Amino acid sequence: MDKKDTKDSLKIAGQQYHTDDYERQDDLSSSLAQTHEQVSDAYFEGEINGTIDNTDDGKEIEIPRKGYE
């Protein structure tokens, strides 16, 4: 691996989620935003196929699996 590849790899590996990743157009930022949203949904609901329960009408609502719009 040459020095350029090493520097690029370190740059990618060190990148963290930022709220403005939702507006960025590069693959890494949009992937970080999508992953952050999935983890946030799973954390708040407690499982990967979670639903929003305890609604006013007693129905369970599935959490949509789409990106930020």
N, C-alpha and C. Protein backbone atom coordinates (compact mmCIF):
# COMPACT_ATOMS: atom_id res chain seq x y z
N MET A 1 0.85 -1.17 0.00
CA MET A 1 0.00 0.00 0.00
C MET A 1 0.90 1.24 0.00
N ASP A 2 0.65 2.16 -0.90
CA ASP A 2 1.48 3.36 -0.94
C ASP A 2 0.95 4.41 0.03
N LYS A 3 1.70 5.51 0.17
CA LYS A 3 1.35 6.53 1.16
C LYS A 3 0.00 7.18 0.88
N LYS A 4 -0.35 7.37 -0.39
CA LYS A 4 -1.63 7.99 -0.72
C LYS A 4 -2.79 7.13 -0.24
N ASP A 5 -2.70 5.82 -0.50
CA ASP A 5 -3.75 4.90 -0.05
C ASP A 5 -3.87 4.89 1.47
N THR A 6 -2.74 4.93 2.16
CA THR A 6 -2.75 4.92 3.62
C THR A 6 -3.41 6.18 4.15
N LYS A 7 -3.10 7.33 3.58
CA LYS A 7 -3.70 8.58 4.03
C LYS A 7 -5.21 8.60 3.77
N ASP A 8 -5.62 8.10 2.60
CA ASP A 8 -7.05 8.04 2.29
C ASP A 8 -7.78 7.10 3.25
N SER A 9 -7.17 5.96 3.54
CA SER A 9 -7.79 5.00 4.46
C SER A 9 -7.93 5.58 5.86
N LEU A 10 -6.92 6.28 6.32
CA LEU A 10 -6.99 6.90 7.64
C LEU A 10 -8.04 7.99 7.69
N LYS A 11 -8.18 8.73 6.60
CA LYS A 11 -9.19 9.79 6.54
C LYS A 11 -10.59 9.18 6.62
N ILE A 12 -10.83 8.11 5.87
CA ILE A 12 -12.13 7.45 5.88
C ILE A 12 -12.40 6.81 7.24
N ALA A 13 -11.43 6.11 7.78
CA ALA A 13 -11.61 5.42 9.06
C ALA A 13 -11.86 6.39 10.20
N GLY A 14 -11.36 7.58 10.10
CA GLY A 14 -11.51 8.55 11.18
C GLY A 14 -12.74 9.42 11.08
N GLN A 15 -13.52 9.27 10.02
CA GLN A 15 -14.69 10.12 9.85
C GLN A 15 -15.81 9.67 10.77
N GLN A 16 -16.50 10.64 11.37
CA GLN A 16 -17.61 10.38 12.26
C GLN A 16 -18.86 11.06 11.72
N TYR A 17 -20.00 10.65 12.24
CA TYR A 17 -21.29 11.21 11.83
C TYR A 17 -21.40 12.67 12.25
N HIS A 18 -21.93 13.48 11.35
CA HIS A 18 -22.27 14.88 11.62
C HIS A 18 -23.67 15.12 11.08
N THR A 19 -24.42 16.01 11.70
CA THR A 19 -25.80 16.23 11.28
C THR A 19 -25.91 16.69 9.83
N ASP A 20 -24.92 17.38 9.32
CA ASP A 20 -24.99 17.83 7.94
C ASP A 20 -24.67 16.72 6.93
N ASP A 21 -24.39 15.50 7.40
CA ASP A 21 -24.18 14.37 6.49
C ASP A 21 -25.44 14.07 5.68
N TYR A 22 -26.63 14.43 6.21
CA TYR A 22 -27.87 14.19 5.47
C TYR A 22 -27.91 15.01 4.18
N GLU A 23 -27.28 16.16 4.15
CA GLU A 23 -27.30 17.01 2.96
C GLU A 23 -26.14 16.76 2.01
N ARG A 24 -25.11 16.10 2.47
CA ARG A 24 -23.94 15.87 1.62
C ARG A 24 -24.24 14.82 0.56
N GLN A 25 -23.53 14.91 -0.54
CA GLN A 25 -23.79 14.05 -1.69
C GLN A 25 -22.82 12.87 -1.82
N ASP A 26 -21.76 12.84 -1.03
CA ASP A 26 -20.80 11.74 -1.19
C ASP A 26 -21.31 10.48 -0.49
N ASP A 27 -20.84 9.34 -0.97
CA ASP A 27 -21.31 8.05 -0.48
C ASP A 27 -21.05 7.84 1.01
N LEU A 28 -19.87 8.23 1.47
CA LEU A 28 -19.53 8.01 2.87
C LEU A 28 -20.45 8.78 3.80
N SER A 29 -20.69 10.05 3.52
CA SER A 29 -21.54 10.86 4.37
C SER A 29 -22.98 10.37 4.38
N SER A 30 -23.50 10.03 3.22
CA SER A 30 -24.88 9.54 3.17
C SER A 30 -25.01 8.18 3.86
N SER A 31 -23.98 7.35 3.78
CA SER A 31 -24.00 6.06 4.47
C SER A 31 -23.94 6.24 5.97
N LEU A 32 -23.12 7.18 6.43
CA LEU A 32 -23.06 7.47 7.86
C LEU A 32 -24.40 8.00 8.37
N ALA A 33 -25.04 8.86 7.60
CA ALA A 33 -26.34 9.40 7.99
C ALA A 33 -27.39 8.29 8.07
N GLN A 34 -27.40 7.41 7.10
CA GLN A 34 -28.37 6.31 7.08
C GLN A 34 -28.12 5.36 8.26
N THR A 35 -26.87 5.03 8.51
CA THR A 35 -26.53 4.15 9.63
C THR A 35 -26.91 4.80 10.95
N HIS A 36 -26.65 6.08 11.09
CA HIS A 36 -27.01 6.80 12.31
C HIS A 36 -28.52 6.75 12.54
N GLU A 37 -29.28 6.93 11.49
CA GLU A 37 -30.74 6.90 11.60
C GLU A 37 -31.23 5.50 12.01
N GLN A 38 -30.64 4.46 11.43
CA GLN A 38 -31.03 3.10 11.78
C GLN A 38 -30.70 2.77 13.23
N VAL A 39 -29.52 3.17 13.67
CA VAL A 39 -29.12 2.91 15.06
C VAL A 39 -30.01 3.70 16.01
N SER A 40 -30.30 4.93 15.67
CA SER A 40 -31.18 5.74 16.50
C SER A 40 -32.57 5.12 16.62
N ASP A 41 -33.13 4.68 15.50
CA ASP A 41 -34.44 4.02 15.52
C ASP A 41 -34.40 2.77 16.39
N ALA A 42 -33.38 1.94 16.21
CA ALA A 42 -33.27 0.70 16.97
C ALA A 42 -33.08 0.98 18.46
N TYR A 43 -32.30 2.00 18.78
CA TYR A 43 -32.07 2.35 20.18
C TYR A 43 -33.36 2.80 20.85
N PHE A 44 -34.09 3.67 20.20
CA PHE A 44 -35.31 4.19 20.80
C PHE A 44 -36.43 3.16 20.85
N GLU A 45 -36.48 2.28 19.88
CA GLU A 45 -37.57 1.30 19.85
C GLU A 45 -37.17 -0.02 20.50
N GLY A 46 -35.90 -0.34 20.52
CA GLY A 46 -35.45 -1.51 21.23
C GLY A 46 -35.22 -2.75 20.39
N GLU A 47 -35.51 -2.71 19.11
CA GLU A 47 -35.24 -3.85 18.24
C GLU A 47 -35.12 -3.38 16.80
N ILE A 48 -34.55 -4.23 15.96
CA ILE A 48 -34.28 -3.82 14.59
C ILE A 48 -35.54 -3.73 13.74
N ASN A 49 -36.54 -4.54 14.01
CA ASN A 49 -37.80 -4.49 13.28
C ASN A 49 -38.87 -3.84 14.15
N GLY A 50 -38.51 -2.74 14.75
CA GLY A 50 -39.38 -2.10 15.72
C GLY A 50 -40.60 -1.43 15.13
N THR A 51 -41.58 -1.24 15.98
CA THR A 51 -42.78 -0.51 15.63
C THR A 51 -43.02 0.54 16.70
N ILE A 52 -43.75 1.55 16.33
CA ILE A 52 -44.14 2.57 17.30
C ILE A 52 -45.45 2.09 17.91
N ASP A 53 -45.41 1.81 19.21
CA ASP A 53 -46.61 1.31 19.85
C ASP A 53 -47.16 2.34 20.84
N ASN A 54 -48.26 2.01 21.45
CA ASN A 54 -48.94 2.90 22.40
C ASN A 54 -49.40 4.19 21.74
N THR A 55 -49.91 4.07 20.52
CA THR A 55 -50.47 5.24 19.86
C THR A 55 -51.88 5.49 20.39
N ASP A 56 -52.44 6.62 20.08
CA ASP A 56 -53.76 6.99 20.59
C ASP A 56 -54.85 6.01 20.15
N ASP A 57 -54.73 5.49 18.93
CA ASP A 57 -55.77 4.58 18.44
C ASP A 57 -55.45 3.10 18.71
N GLY A 58 -54.36 2.83 19.41
CA GLY A 58 -54.02 1.47 19.80
C GLY A 58 -53.34 0.64 18.73
N LYS A 59 -53.02 1.23 17.59
CA LYS A 59 -52.36 0.50 16.50
C LYS A 59 -50.85 0.64 16.62
N GLU A 60 -50.15 -0.35 16.07
CA GLU A 60 -48.70 -0.27 15.98
C GLU A 60 -48.32 0.26 14.60
N ILE A 61 -47.40 1.19 14.56
CA ILE A 61 -46.98 1.81 13.31
C ILE A 61 -45.54 1.37 13.04
N GLU A 62 -45.29 0.81 11.86
CA GLU A 62 -43.94 0.40 11.51
C GLU A 62 -43.06 1.63 11.30
N ILE A 63 -41.81 1.53 11.73
CA ILE A 63 -40.85 2.62 11.53
C ILE A 63 -40.41 2.56 10.07
N PRO A 64 -40.57 3.64 9.31
CA PRO A 64 -40.19 3.61 7.90
C PRO A 64 -38.68 3.45 7.73
N ARG A 65 -38.27 2.67 6.75
CA ARG A 65 -36.86 2.42 6.47
C ARG A 65 -36.42 3.22 5.26
N LYS A 66 -36.52 4.54 5.37
CA LYS A 66 -36.07 5.41 4.29
C LYS A 66 -35.22 6.52 4.89
N GLY A 67 -34.46 7.16 4.05
CA GLY A 67 -33.56 8.20 4.51
C GLY A 67 -34.27 9.48 4.89
N TYR A 68 -33.49 10.37 5.43
CA TYR A 68 -33.99 11.68 5.81
C TYR A 68 -34.41 12.46 4.58
N GLU A 69 -35.56 13.12 4.65
CA GLU A 69 -36.02 13.92 3.51
C GLU A 69 -36.27 15.33 3.93
